[in-house]
Amino acid sequence: MALAAQSLIYGIRADRNGARMAATRAENALPGDPEVLAATRGHGRVAASLFADDIQQALRDSSAGIWHAEQAPPQSPGLAWAFHALLQAVAGVEGRRALERARAAGAAVGWSQAWLAYAEAVLDGRAGNASHAAALADEGDERFRPYAPWWNHLVRRLVVEDAIKDGWGDPATWMAEATREFDATGHRRLATACRGVLRRSGERVPRSGRGKAQVPAQLRRLGVTSREMDVFALAAQGLSNTDIAARLFISAKTVETHIASLVAKTGRDGRRDLVANAGRLAWSLVVGPHTRYHRAAVPCRAAAATAVRAAGSGGSPSPLRRYSPRRSRRGQQPRTSP
C-alpha cells in the first residue's frame, strides 16, 4: 500500500505520469488485489486529474476505482468512496445514491467525512435547502482542518458552480483564497480556473504573483504575494529600495509600493519596523506562542530570520518550509532539520 500511497502523492502534485507509474508499480506488486486497485485508481489517479482541473477524467477514474472498491474489504478504500460521492453529486449523476453507498461502505470516517459533507451540501442546495447546504459546507471545512485544511480549496473549486447557482456558501471568498493558494503551490490550472469563476461572477480577481520566492502558508493567508516575498527577503538583508529595484529589475517606486503593502498586511508600523522584526515575524508565523514548540525553540529565532533572508535566493525552496523544531529533551536544544 506504500506504493499506492505514492500515487496519491504524485496526484497531489498534478503529476499524472508519476501517479500512473507509481500506480503501475503498486498494481504489479500485488496483481489483482482489489484494495490496491481501489487505492491506485480511486485515489491516486483521481487526485492527479483533480489537481490538473480535469473533472471529467476524474469522474472516469473514480468510476473505475469504485468498481474495485466494491470488491475490497469493508472500510479499506474509504477515500475512493468519498471522492466518488462528491464527483457524482457535482456531475448530477445519482449523487444521492453515491452518498448512501459511501456511508454504507464505512467511508464516513476521518477526513473522508469532509468530502461527504460537501457532497450532501451540493445535493441539498440543488434541492432548494440553501441554509442547510451552507451549514454542511461549514461542517466540511471543520472536518478537513485536523487533517488537511488546504484540501478545502480543491473541494470548493469542485462545488463552487453549484454554490453560486443555488445561493449557498461564500463562493467569492472561497475562490479568492483558493487562487492565492494554488498560485503559491504551483497548481496553475486550478488557479486559472478559480480566476475564471471570479471573473464570470463579476468579482475582483487576485493578480498572480510573479516572484520566485515561496510564500509561507501563514503569509499567504495575509495575502502576501510571491513578488512581495521577494522584496521582503531582500529588505530583510538590509538592501535599500534602490538596491532591491536593481536586483529584481523593477522600479524603486514599485519596491516602495510592495513595502507599503507588506507593512499593511503584516501590521507593522513602517519599513524600519518591518525589517527590524523580519526574523521575529517569520518565527511567530511558523511557530506561534500557543504551540507546544514555542517555549523550547525560542533560542532558534535566528533560524527563521535566516529563512526569510534565504527566501529571495530563487534557488531551493525556502528554508521556512524545511525548518522543523523538535520537542527538546531536558538539557538539549532543539535542532533544525538538515
C-alpha atoms as a PDB file:
ATOM      1  CA  MET A   1       0.000   0.000   0.000  1.00  0.00           C
ATOM      2  CA  ALA A   2       3.021   2.281   0.357  1.00  0.00           C
ATOM      3  CA  LEU A   3       3.395   2.325  -3.420  1.00  0.00           C
ATOM      4  CA  ALA A   4      -0.313   3.070  -3.769  1.00  0.00           C
ATOM      5  CA  ALA A   5       0.137   5.992  -1.364  1.00  0.00           C
ATOM      6  CA  GLN A   6       2.924   7.287  -3.603  1.00  0.00           C
ATOM      7  CA  SER A   7       0.471   7.510  -6.493  1.00  0.00           C
ATOM      8  CA  LEU A   8      -1.704   9.795  -4.363  1.00  0.00           C
ATOM      9  CA  ILE A   9       1.298  11.987  -3.534  1.00  0.00           C
ATOM     10  CA  TYR A  10       2.155  12.312  -7.221  1.00  0.00           C
ATOM     11  CA  GLY A  11      -1.506  13.050  -7.883  1.00  0.00           C
ATOM     12  CA  ILE A  12      -1.496  15.928  -5.409  1.00  0.00           C
ATOM     13  CA  ARG A  13       1.446  17.355  -7.342  1.00  0.00           C
ATOM     14  CA  ALA A  14      -0.673  17.131 -10.516  1.00  0.00           C
ATOM     15  CA  ASP A  15       1.974  14.768 -11.900  1.00  0.00           C
ATOM     16  CA  ARG A  16      -0.125  12.376 -13.921  1.00  0.00           C
ATOM     17  CA  ASN A  17       2.833  10.438 -15.281  1.00  0.00           C
ATOM     18  CA  GLY A  18       4.273   9.989 -11.802  1.00  0.00           C
ATOM     19  CA  ALA A  19       0.899   8.927 -10.422  1.00  0.00           C
ATOM     20  CA  ARG A  20       0.429   6.427 -13.243  1.00  0.00           C
ATOM     21  CA  MET A  21       3.911   4.938 -12.829  1.00  0.00           C
ATOM     22  CA  ALA A  22       3.554   4.618  -9.042  1.00  0.00           C
ATOM     23  CA  ALA A  23       0.122   3.055  -9.528  1.00  0.00           C
ATOM     24  CA  THR A  24       1.508   0.547 -12.019  1.00  0.00           C
ATOM     25  CA  ARG A  25       4.304  -0.454  -9.627  1.00  0.00           C
ATOM     26  CA  ALA A  26       1.786  -0.984  -6.815  1.00  0.00           C
ATOM     27  CA  GLU A  27      -0.529  -2.996  -9.062  1.00  0.00           C
ATOM     28  CA  ASN A  28       2.350  -5.167 -10.287  1.00  0.00           C
ATOM     29  CA  ALA A  29       3.490  -5.823  -6.721  1.00  0.00           C
ATOM     30  CA  LEU A  30       0.078  -7.286  -5.793  1.00  0.00           C
ATOM     31  CA  PRO A  31      -1.632  -8.245  -9.066  1.00  0.00           C
ATOM     32  CA  GLY A  32      -5.399  -8.176  -8.945  1.00  0.00           C
ATOM     33  CA  ASP A  33      -5.615  -7.015  -5.328  1.00  0.00           C
ATOM     34  CA  PRO A  34      -8.889  -5.038  -5.097  1.00  0.00           C
ATOM     35  CA  GLU A  35      -7.687  -2.891  -2.185  1.00  0.00           C
ATOM     36  CA  VAL A  36      -4.591  -1.805  -4.106  1.00  0.00           C
ATOM     37  CA  LEU A  37      -6.605  -1.194  -7.281  1.00  0.00           C
ATOM     38  CA  ALA A  38      -9.174   0.852  -5.360  1.00  0.00           C
ATOM     39  CA  ALA A  39      -6.349   2.982  -3.949  1.00  0.00           C
ATOM     40  CA  THR A  40      -4.374   3.458  -7.177  1.00  0.00           C
ATOM     41  CA  ARG A  41      -7.367   4.062  -9.418  1.00  0.00           C
ATOM     42  CA  GLY A  42      -9.786   5.575  -6.934  1.00  0.00           C
ATOM     43  CA  HIS A  43      -7.228   7.709  -5.045  1.00  0.00           C
ATOM     44  CA  GLY A  44      -4.035   8.439  -6.962  1.00  0.00           C
ATOM     45  CA  ARG A  45      -5.357   8.789 -10.480  1.00  0.00           C
ATOM     46  CA  VAL A  46      -8.437  10.694  -9.337  1.00  0.00           C
ATOM     47  CA  ALA A  47      -6.265  13.143  -7.383  1.00  0.00           C
ATOM     48  CA  ALA A  48      -3.983  13.628 -10.393  1.00  0.00           C
ATOM     49  CA  SER A  49      -6.971  14.520 -12.555  1.00  0.00           C
ATOM     50  CA  LEU A  50      -8.490  16.816  -9.941  1.00  0.00           C
ATOM     51  CA  PHE A  51      -5.266  18.731  -9.378  1.00  0.00           C
ATOM     52  CA  ALA A  52      -4.958  19.107 -13.145  1.00  0.00           C
ATOM     53  CA  ASP A  53      -8.526  20.500 -13.095  1.00  0.00           C
ATOM     54  CA  ASP A  54      -9.720  17.709 -15.390  1.00  0.00           C
ATOM     55  CA  ILE A  55     -13.017  16.923 -13.698  1.00  0.00           C
ATOM     56  CA  GLN A  56     -14.351  14.703 -16.498  1.00  0.00           C
ATOM     57  CA  GLN A  57     -11.281  12.469 -16.350  1.00  0.00           C
ATOM     58  CA  ALA A  58     -11.564  12.409 -12.562  1.00  0.00           C
ATOM     59  CA  LEU A  59     -15.106  11.100 -12.953  1.00  0.00           C
ATOM     60  CA  ARG A  60     -13.914   8.311 -15.249  1.00  0.00           C
ATOM     61  CA  ASP A  61     -11.030   7.428 -12.946  1.00  0.00           C
ATOM     62  CA  SER A  62     -13.343   7.417  -9.951  1.00  0.00           C
ATOM     63  CA  SER A  63     -15.860   5.106 -11.621  1.00  0.00           C
ATOM     64  CA  ALA A  64     -13.057   2.657 -12.411  1.00  0.00           C
ATOM     65  CA  GLY A  65     -11.752   2.848  -8.865  1.00  0.00           C
ATOM     66  CA  ILE A  66     -15.113   2.335  -7.207  1.00  0.00           C
ATOM     67  CA  TRP A  67     -15.650  -0.925  -9.105  1.00  0.00           C
ATOM     68  CA  HIS A  68     -12.581  -2.307  -7.348  1.00  0.00           C
ATOM     69  CA  ALA A  69     -13.584  -0.709  -4.028  1.00  0.00           C
ATOM     70  CA  GLU A  70     -16.734  -2.818  -4.080  1.00  0.00           C
ATOM     71  CA  GLN A  71     -14.564  -5.947  -4.106  1.00  0.00           C
ATOM     72  CA  ALA A  72     -12.209  -4.729  -1.350  1.00  0.00           C
ATOM     73  CA  PRO A  73     -12.549  -5.407   2.397  1.00  0.00           C
ATOM     74  CA  PRO A  74     -15.063  -3.139   4.177  1.00  0.00           C
ATOM     75  CA  GLN A  75     -13.862   0.378   5.056  1.00  0.00           C
ATOM     76  CA  SER A  76     -10.438  -0.069   3.429  1.00  0.00           C
ATOM     77  CA  PRO A  77     -10.956   2.185   0.359  1.00  0.00           C
ATOM     78  CA  GLY A  78     -12.808   4.968   2.212  1.00  0.00           C
ATOM     79  CA  LEU A  79     -11.245   7.834   0.285  1.00  0.00           C
ATOM     80  CA  ALA A  80     -12.203   6.272  -3.053  1.00  0.00           C
ATOM     81  CA  TRP A  81     -15.827   6.223  -1.911  1.00  0.00           C
ATOM     82  CA  ALA A  82     -15.581   9.816  -0.672  1.00  0.00           C
ATOM     83  CA  PHE A  83     -14.099  11.074  -3.960  1.00  0.00           C
ATOM     84  CA  HIS A  84     -16.778   9.183  -5.858  1.00  0.00           C
ATOM     85  CA  ALA A  85     -19.674  10.587  -3.820  1.00  0.00           C
ATOM     86  CA  LEU A  86     -18.629  14.209  -4.331  1.00  0.00           C
ATOM     87  CA  LEU A  87     -17.843  13.791  -8.022  1.00  0.00           C
ATOM     88  CA  GLN A  88     -21.176  12.080  -8.663  1.00  0.00           C
ATOM     89  CA  ALA A  89     -23.005  14.817  -6.736  1.00  0.00           C
ATOM     90  CA  VAL A  90     -21.283  17.587  -8.702  1.00  0.00           C
ATOM     91  CA  ALA A  91     -21.920  15.793 -12.006  1.00  0.00           C
ATOM     92  CA  GLY A  92     -25.594  15.286 -11.144  1.00  0.00           C
ATOM     93  CA  VAL A  93     -25.297  11.543 -11.728  1.00  0.00           C
ATOM     94  CA  GLU A  94     -27.014   9.589  -8.938  1.00  0.00           C
ATOM     95  CA  GLY A  95     -25.318  11.723  -6.326  1.00  0.00           C
ATOM     96  CA  ARG A  96     -27.684  10.758  -3.513  1.00  0.00           C
ATOM     97  CA  ARG A  97     -27.205   7.071  -4.230  1.00  0.00           C
ATOM     98  CA  ALA A  98     -23.415   7.501  -4.358  1.00  0.00           C
ATOM     99  CA  LEU A  99     -23.519   9.263  -0.979  1.00  0.00           C
ATOM    100  CA  GLU A 100     -25.602   6.480   0.572  1.00  0.00           C
ATOM    101  CA  ARG A 101     -23.285   3.811  -0.854  1.00  0.00           C
ATOM    102  CA  ALA A 102     -20.257   5.611   0.541  1.00  0.00           C
ATOM    103  CA  ARG A 103     -21.744   5.704   4.023  1.00  0.00           C
ATOM    104  CA  ALA A 104     -22.832   2.078   3.798  1.00  0.00           C
ATOM    105  CA  ALA A 105     -19.260   1.154   2.834  1.00  0.00           C
ATOM    106  CA  GLY A 106     -17.967   2.759   6.030  1.00  0.00           C
ATOM    107  CA  ALA A 107     -16.416   5.810   4.386  1.00  0.00           C
ATOM    108  CA  ALA A 108     -17.779   8.283   6.949  1.00  0.00           C
ATOM    109  CA  VAL A 109     -14.564   8.350   8.969  1.00  0.00           C
ATOM    110  CA  GLY A 110     -11.632  10.760   9.274  1.00  0.00           C
ATOM    111  CA  TRP A 111     -11.265  13.372   6.585  1.00  0.00           C
ATOM    112  CA  SER A 112     -13.475  11.389   4.195  1.00  0.00           C
ATOM    113  CA  GLN A 113     -16.352  12.869   6.198  1.00  0.00           C
ATOM    114  CA  ALA A 114     -15.456  16.290   4.796  1.00  0.00           C
ATOM    115  CA  TRP A 115     -15.919  15.086   1.212  1.00  0.00           C
ATOM    116  CA  LEU A 116     -19.270  13.547   2.134  1.00  0.00           C
ATOM    117  CA  ALA A 117     -20.404  16.759   3.855  1.00  0.00           C
ATOM    118  CA  TYR A 118     -19.632  18.816   0.752  1.00  0.00           C
ATOM    119  CA  ALA A 119     -21.366  16.201  -1.431  1.00  0.00           C
ATOM    120  CA  GLU A 120     -24.506  16.477   0.677  1.00  0.00           C
ATOM    121  CA  ALA A 121     -24.241  20.279   0.557  1.00  0.00           C
ATOM    122  CA  VAL A 122     -24.368  20.163  -3.248  1.00  0.00           C
ATOM    123  CA  LEU A 123     -27.396  17.865  -3.166  1.00  0.00           C
ATOM    124  CA  ASP A 124     -29.270  19.910  -0.554  1.00  0.00           C
ATOM    125  CA  GLY A 125     -28.513  23.181  -2.324  1.00  0.00           C
ATOM    126  CA  ARG A 126     -29.840  21.721  -5.555  1.00  0.00           C
ATOM    127  CA  ALA A 127     -32.985  20.658  -3.686  1.00  0.00           C
ATOM    128  CA  GLY A 128     -33.566  24.255  -2.547  1.00  0.00           C
ATOM    129  CA  ASN A 129     -32.266  23.974   1.021  1.00  0.00           C
ATOM    130  CA  ALA A 130     -29.553  26.635   0.825  1.00  0.00           C
ATOM    131  CA  SER A 131     -29.227  27.195   4.580  1.00  0.00           C
ATOM    132  CA  HIS A 132     -28.591  23.513   5.257  1.00  0.00           C
ATOM    133  CA  ALA A 133     -26.172  23.364   2.331  1.00  0.00           C
ATOM    134  CA  ALA A 134     -24.188  26.255   3.838  1.00  0.00           C
ATOM    135  CA  ALA A 135     -24.112  24.515   7.230  1.00  0.00           C
ATOM    136  CA  LEU A 136     -22.841  21.319   5.583  1.00  0.00           C
ATOM    137  CA  ALA A 137     -20.103  23.262   3.795  1.00  0.00           C
ATOM    138  CA  ASP A 138     -19.028  24.693   7.156  1.00  0.00           C
ATOM    139  CA  GLU A 139     -19.025  21.145   8.537  1.00  0.00           C
ATOM    140  CA  GLY A 140     -16.829  20.012   5.640  1.00  0.00           C
ATOM    141  CA  ASP A 141     -14.422  22.851   6.390  1.00  0.00           C
ATOM    142  CA  GLU A 142     -14.197  21.800  10.049  1.00  0.00           C
ATOM    143  CA  ARG A 143     -13.757  18.130   9.123  1.00  0.00           C
ATOM    144  CA  PHE A 144     -10.783  18.952   6.924  1.00  0.00           C
ATOM    145  CA  ARG A 145      -8.977  21.166   9.426  1.00  0.00           C
ATOM    146  CA  PRO A 146      -7.455  18.466  11.678  1.00  0.00           C
ATOM    147  CA  TYR A 147      -6.187  16.548   8.648  1.00  0.00           C
ATOM    148  CA  ALA A 148      -5.517  18.593   5.527  1.00  0.00           C
ATOM    149  CA  PRO A 149      -7.176  22.043   5.611  1.00  0.00           C
ATOM    150  CA  TRP A 150      -5.812  23.034   2.194  1.00  0.00           C
ATOM    151  CA  TRP A 151      -7.985  20.343   0.568  1.00  0.00           C
ATOM    152  CA  ASN A 152     -10.842  22.764   1.220  1.00  0.00           C
ATOM    153  CA  HIS A 153      -9.579  24.818  -1.718  1.00  0.00           C
ATOM    154  CA  LEU A 154      -9.762  21.861  -4.111  1.00  0.00           C
ATOM    155  CA  VAL A 155     -13.202  20.767  -2.934  1.00  0.00           C
ATOM    156  CA  ARG A 156     -14.560  24.295  -3.087  1.00  0.00           C
ATOM    157  CA  ARG A 157     -13.297  24.546  -6.649  1.00  0.00           C
ATOM    158  CA  LEU A 158     -15.450  21.479  -7.399  1.00  0.00           C
ATOM    159  CA  VAL A 159     -18.620  22.727  -5.704  1.00  0.00           C
ATOM    160  CA  VAL A 160     -18.391  26.458  -6.403  1.00  0.00           C
ATOM    161  CA  GLU A 161     -20.588  26.495  -9.518  1.00  0.00           C
ATOM    162  CA  ASP A 162     -23.384  24.780  -7.577  1.00  0.00           C
ATOM    163  CA  ALA A 163     -22.882  27.136  -4.640  1.00  0.00           C
ATOM    164  CA  ILE A 164     -23.241  30.171  -6.925  1.00  0.00           C
ATOM    165  CA  LYS A 165     -26.240  28.793  -8.756  1.00  0.00           C
ATOM    166  CA  ASP A 166     -28.099  27.648  -5.650  1.00  0.00           C
ATOM    167  CA  GLY A 167     -27.080  30.511  -3.330  1.00  0.00           C
ATOM    168  CA  TRP A 168     -25.123  28.933  -0.504  1.00  0.00           C
ATOM    169  CA  GLY A 169     -21.653  29.249   0.995  1.00  0.00           C
ATOM    170  CA  ASP A 170     -19.220  32.091   0.282  1.00  0.00           C
ATOM    171  CA  PRO A 171     -18.050  31.457  -3.306  1.00  0.00           C
ATOM    172  CA  ALA A 172     -16.212  34.776  -3.806  1.00  0.00           C
ATOM    173  CA  THR A 173     -14.090  34.380  -0.677  1.00  0.00           C
ATOM    174  CA  TRP A 174     -13.518  30.698  -1.423  1.00  0.00           C
ATOM    175  CA  MET A 175     -12.194  31.365  -4.899  1.00  0.00           C
ATOM    176  CA  ALA A 176     -10.037  34.338  -3.872  1.00  0.00           C
ATOM    177  CA  GLU A 177      -8.369  32.236  -1.163  1.00  0.00           C
ATOM    178  CA  ALA A 178      -8.029  29.233  -3.467  1.00  0.00           C
ATOM    179  CA  THR A 179      -6.462  31.360  -6.203  1.00  0.00           C
ATOM    180  CA  ARG A 180      -3.735  32.595  -3.866  1.00  0.00           C
ATOM    181  CA  GLU A 181      -3.112  29.091  -2.519  1.00  0.00           C
ATOM    182  CA  PHE A 182      -2.926  27.430  -5.934  1.00  0.00           C
ATOM    183  CA  ASP A 183      -0.660  30.185  -7.258  1.00  0.00           C
ATOM    184  CA  ALA A 184       1.686  29.664  -4.344  1.00  0.00           C
ATOM    185  CA  THR A 185       1.760  25.864  -4.693  1.00  0.00           C
ATOM    186  CA  GLY A 186       2.235  25.935  -8.471  1.00  0.00           C
ATOM    187  CA  HIS A 187      -1.171  24.496  -9.405  1.00  0.00           C
ATOM    188  CA  ARG A 188      -1.604  26.917 -12.295  1.00  0.00           C
ATOM    189  CA  ARG A 189      -4.584  25.251 -13.927  1.00  0.00           C
ATOM    190  CA  LEU A 190      -6.568  25.318 -10.722  1.00  0.00           C
ATOM    191  CA  ALA A 191      -5.582  28.933 -10.061  1.00  0.00           C
ATOM    192  CA  THR A 192      -6.686  29.870 -13.579  1.00  0.00           C
ATOM    193  CA  ALA A 193      -9.986  28.043 -13.130  1.00  0.00           C
ATOM    194  CA  CYS A 194     -10.657  29.875  -9.859  1.00  0.00           C
ATOM    195  CA  ARG A 195      -9.896  33.218 -11.502  1.00  0.00           C
ATOM    196  CA  GLY A 196     -12.336  32.312 -14.257  1.00  0.00           C
ATOM    197  CA  VAL A 197     -15.096  31.717 -11.707  1.00  0.00           C
ATOM    198  CA  LEU A 198     -14.407  35.079 -10.062  1.00  0.00           C
ATOM    199  CA  ARG A 199     -14.308  36.863 -13.405  1.00  0.00           C
ATOM    200  CA  ARG A 200     -17.608  35.355 -14.578  1.00  0.00           C
ATOM    201  CA  SER A 201     -19.190  36.322 -11.265  1.00  0.00           C
ATOM    202  CA  GLY A 202     -18.026  39.936 -11.560  1.00  0.00           C
ATOM    203  CA  GLU A 203     -15.761  39.642  -8.526  1.00  0.00           C
ATOM    204  CA  ARG A 204     -12.308  41.140  -8.084  1.00  0.00           C
ATOM    205  CA  VAL A 205      -9.682  38.769  -9.473  1.00  0.00           C
ATOM    206  CA  PRO A 206      -6.404  38.472  -7.490  1.00  0.00           C
ATOM    207  CA  ARG A 207      -3.308  39.052  -9.603  1.00  0.00           C
ATOM    208  CA  SER A 208      -0.861  36.210  -9.824  1.00  0.00           C
ATOM    209  CA  GLY A 209       2.425  36.725  -8.040  1.00  0.00           C
ATOM    210  CA  ARG A 210       5.364  36.950 -10.423  1.00  0.00           C
ATOM    211  CA  GLY A 211       8.113  36.446  -7.915  1.00  0.00           C
ATOM    212  CA  LYS A 212      10.400  33.469  -7.332  1.00  0.00           C
ATOM    213  CA  ALA A 213      10.238  33.181  -3.554  1.00  0.00           C
ATOM    214  CA  GLN A 214       7.910  30.679  -1.967  1.00  0.00           C
ATOM    215  CA  VAL A 215       5.453  32.312   0.402  1.00  0.00           C
ATOM    216  CA  PRO A 216       4.871  30.523   3.740  1.00  0.00           C
ATOM    217  CA  ALA A 217       1.259  29.451   4.213  1.00  0.00           C
ATOM    218  CA  GLN A 218       0.689  31.867   7.090  1.00  0.00           C
ATOM    219  CA  LEU A 219       1.854  34.820   4.998  1.00  0.00           C
ATOM    220  CA  ARG A 220      -0.285  33.648   2.074  1.00  0.00           C
ATOM    221  CA  ARG A 221      -3.282  33.862   4.390  1.00  0.00           C
ATOM    222  CA  LEU A 222      -2.384  37.517   4.926  1.00  0.00           C
ATOM    223  CA  GLY A 223      -2.421  37.963   1.154  1.00  0.00           C
ATOM    224  CA  VAL A 224       1.349  38.305   0.686  1.00  0.00           C
ATOM    225  CA  THR A 225       2.325  37.544  -2.919  1.00  0.00           C
ATOM    226  CA  SER A 226       5.479  35.865  -4.185  1.00  0.00           C
ATOM    227  CA  ARG A 227       6.765  39.194  -5.539  1.00  0.00           C
ATOM    228  CA  GLU A 228       6.179  40.843  -2.171  1.00  0.00           C
ATOM    229  CA  MET A 229       8.065  37.957  -0.586  1.00  0.00           C
ATOM    230  CA  ASP A 230      10.964  38.634  -2.972  1.00  0.00           C
ATOM    231  CA  VAL A 231      11.030  42.239  -1.762  1.00  0.00           C
ATOM    232  CA  PHE A 232      10.604  41.215   1.889  1.00  0.00           C
ATOM    233  CA  ALA A 233      13.547  38.802   1.691  1.00  0.00           C
ATOM    234  CA  LEU A 234      15.875  41.409   0.191  1.00  0.00           C
ATOM    235  CA  ALA A 235      14.725  44.123   2.591  1.00  0.00           C
ATOM    236  CA  ALA A 236      15.479  41.744   5.473  1.00  0.00           C
ATOM    237  CA  GLN A 237      19.064  41.559   4.203  1.00  0.00           C
ATOM    238  CA  GLY A 238      19.347  45.333   4.629  1.00  0.00           C
ATOM    239  CA  LEU A 239      19.120  46.319   0.955  1.00  0.00           C
ATOM    240  CA  SER A 240      17.757  49.753   0.118  1.00  0.00           C
ATOM    241  CA  ASN A 241      14.764  50.229  -2.162  1.00  0.00           C
ATOM    242  CA  THR A 242      17.123  51.233  -4.974  1.00  0.00           C
ATOM    243  CA  ASP A 243      19.233  48.103  -4.499  1.00  0.00           C
ATOM    244  CA  ILE A 244      16.147  45.885  -4.379  1.00  0.00           C
ATOM    245  CA  ALA A 245      14.837  47.517  -7.549  1.00  0.00           C
ATOM    246  CA  ALA A 246      18.116  46.814  -9.341  1.00  0.00           C
ATOM    247  CA  ARG A 247      18.174  43.216  -8.128  1.00  0.00           C
ATOM    248  CA  LEU A 248      14.587  42.498  -9.208  1.00  0.00           C
ATOM    249  CA  PHE A 249      14.622  44.645 -12.369  1.00  0.00           C
ATOM    250  CA  ILE A 250      11.720  46.799 -11.209  1.00  0.00           C
ATOM    251  CA  SER A 251      11.450  50.473 -10.320  1.00  0.00           C
ATOM    252  CA  ALA A 252      12.192  51.864  -6.869  1.00  0.00           C
ATOM    253  CA  LYS A 253       8.622  53.187  -6.820  1.00  0.00           C
ATOM    254  CA  THR A 254       7.313  49.635  -7.306  1.00  0.00           C
ATOM    255  CA  VAL A 255       9.505  48.439  -4.440  1.00  0.00           C
ATOM    256  CA  GLU A 256       8.078  51.221  -2.283  1.00  0.00           C
ATOM    257  CA  THR A 257       4.564  50.056  -3.177  1.00  0.00           C
ATOM    258  CA  HIS A 258       5.405  46.453  -2.235  1.00  0.00           C
ATOM    259  CA  ILE A 259       6.929  47.562   1.070  1.00  0.00           C
ATOM    260  CA  ALA A 260       3.822  49.595   1.882  1.00  0.00           C
ATOM    261  CA  SER A 261       1.649  46.580   1.063  1.00  0.00           C
ATOM    262  CA  LEU A 262       3.783  44.327   3.296  1.00  0.00           C
ATOM    263  CA  VAL A 263       3.581  46.814   6.136  1.00  0.00           C
ATOM    264  CA  ALA A 264      -0.213  46.916   5.858  1.00  0.00           C
ATOM    265  CA  LYS A 265      -0.638  43.156   5.556  1.00  0.00           C
ATOM    266  CA  THR A 266       1.697  42.255   8.424  1.00  0.00           C
ATOM    267  CA  GLY A 267       0.522  45.015  10.745  1.00  0.00           C
ATOM    268  CA  ARG A 268       3.926  46.663  11.184  1.00  0.00           C
ATOM    269  CA  ASP A 269       4.498  50.381  11.789  1.00  0.00           C
ATOM    270  CA  GLY A 270       6.630  51.064   8.716  1.00  0.00           C
ATOM    271  CA  ARG A 271       9.574  49.846   6.680  1.00  0.00           C
ATOM    272  CA  ARG A 272      12.038  50.060   9.570  1.00  0.00           C
ATOM    273  CA  ASP A 273       9.719  48.080  11.853  1.00  0.00           C
ATOM    274  CA  LEU A 274       9.093  45.505   9.098  1.00  0.00           C
ATOM    275  CA  VAL A 275      12.806  44.917   8.519  1.00  0.00           C
ATOM    276  CA  ALA A 276      13.781  45.056  12.202  1.00  0.00           C
ATOM    277  CA  ASN A 277      11.213  42.392  13.043  1.00  0.00           C
ATOM    278  CA  ALA A 278      11.625  40.203   9.950  1.00  0.00           C
ATOM    279  CA  GLY A 279      13.021  37.237  11.872  1.00  0.00           C
ATOM    280  CA  ARG A 280      10.553  37.624  14.724  1.00  0.00           C
ATOM    281  CA  LEU A 281       7.657  37.948  12.299  1.00  0.00           C
ATOM    282  CA  ALA A 282       8.679  34.848  10.385  1.00  0.00           C
ATOM    283  CA  TRP A 283       9.091  32.944  13.632  1.00  0.00           C
ATOM    284  CA  SER A 284       5.715  33.952  15.031  1.00  0.00           C
ATOM    285  CA  LEU A 285       4.089  32.806  11.801  1.00  0.00           C
ATOM    286  CA  VAL A 286       5.866  29.438  11.737  1.00  0.00           C
ATOM    287  CA  VAL A 287       5.603  28.619  15.446  1.00  0.00           C
ATOM    288  CA  GLY A 288       3.052  30.713  17.308  1.00  0.00           C
ATOM    289  CA  PRO A 289       3.084  31.453  21.020  1.00  0.00           C
ATOM    290  CA  HIS A 290       0.407  28.844  21.719  1.00  0.00           C
ATOM    291  CA  THR A 291       2.165  25.894  20.110  1.00  0.00           C
ATOM    292  CA  ARG A 292       3.910  23.248  22.156  1.00  0.00           C
ATOM    293  CA  TYR A 293       7.238  24.022  20.440  1.00  0.00           C
ATOM    294  CA  HIS A 294       7.338  27.743  21.142  1.00  0.00           C
ATOM    295  CA  ARG A 295       8.953  27.813  24.569  1.00  0.00           C
ATOM    296  CA  ALA A 296      11.591  25.191  23.776  1.00  0.00           C
ATOM    297  CA  ALA A 297      12.530  26.685  20.435  1.00  0.00           C
ATOM    298  CA  VAL A 298      12.674  30.401  21.233  1.00  0.00           C
ATOM    299  CA  PRO A 299      16.511  30.355  21.038  1.00  0.00           C
ATOM    300  CA  CYS A 300      16.188  29.319  17.384  1.00  0.00           C
ATOM    301  CA  ARG A 301      14.517  32.505  16.173  1.00  0.00           C
ATOM    302  CA  ALA A 302      17.672  33.266  14.226  1.00  0.00           C
ATOM    303  CA  ALA A 303      16.882  30.289  12.003  1.00  0.00           C
ATOM    304  CA  ALA A 304      13.623  31.940  10.992  1.00  0.00           C
ATOM    305  CA  ALA A 305      15.427  35.172  10.179  1.00  0.00           C
ATOM    306  CA  THR A 306      17.871  33.202   8.034  1.00  0.00           C
ATOM    307  CA  ALA A 307      14.909  31.582   6.295  1.00  0.00           C
ATOM    308  CA  VAL A 308      13.424  34.961   5.402  1.00  0.00           C
ATOM    309  CA  ARG A 309      16.743  36.153   4.005  1.00  0.00           C
ATOM    310  CA  ALA A 310      17.223  32.952   2.015  1.00  0.00           C
ATOM    311  CA  ALA A 311      13.722  33.035   0.551  1.00  0.00           C
ATOM    312  CA  GLY A 312      14.772  35.515  -2.103  1.00  0.00           C
ATOM    313  CA  SER A 313      17.633  33.443  -3.454  1.00  0.00           C
ATOM    314  CA  GLY A 314      15.478  31.912  -6.191  1.00  0.00           C
ATOM    315  CA  GLY A 315      17.112  28.515  -5.646  1.00  0.00           C
ATOM    316  CA  SER A 316      15.834  25.685  -3.494  1.00  0.00           C
ATOM    317  CA  PRO A 317      12.535  26.033  -1.621  1.00  0.00           C
ATOM    318  CA  SER A 318      12.515  28.455   1.271  1.00  0.00           C
ATOM    319  CA  PRO A 319      14.005  27.021   4.481  1.00  0.00           C
ATOM    320  CA  LEU A 320      10.846  28.231   6.194  1.00  0.00           C
ATOM    321  CA  ARG A 321       9.255  25.091   4.822  1.00  0.00           C
ATOM    322  CA  ARG A 322      12.153  22.914   5.916  1.00  0.00           C
ATOM    323  CA  TYR A 323      12.550  24.264   9.443  1.00  0.00           C
ATOM    324  CA  SER A 324      11.381  21.574  11.820  1.00  0.00           C
ATOM    325  CA  PRO A 325      11.613  22.437  15.517  1.00  0.00           C
ATOM    326  CA  ARG A 326      11.621  19.327  17.686  1.00  0.00           C
ATOM    327  CA  ARG A 327      10.379  18.968  21.220  1.00  0.00           C
ATOM    328  CA  SER A 328      13.596  19.431  23.219  1.00  0.00           C
ATOM    329  CA  ARG A 329      14.719  16.903  25.783  1.00  0.00           C
ATOM    330  CA  ARG A 330      15.997  18.097  29.126  1.00  0.00           C
ATOM    331  CA  GLY A 331      19.367  19.705  28.666  1.00  0.00           C
ATOM    332  CA  GLN A 332      19.208  19.675  24.884  1.00  0.00           C
ATOM    333  CA  GLN A 333      18.485  22.446  22.440  1.00  0.00           C
ATOM    334  CA  PRO A 334      16.072  21.836  19.562  1.00  0.00           C
ATOM    335  CA  ARG A 335      17.707  21.477  16.202  1.00  0.00           C
ATOM    336  CA  THR A 336      16.853  22.256  12.632  1.00  0.00           C
ATOM    337  CA  SER A 337      16.426  19.523  10.063  1.00  0.00           C
ATOM    338  CA  PRO A 338      19.327  19.274   7.599  1.00  0.00           C
END
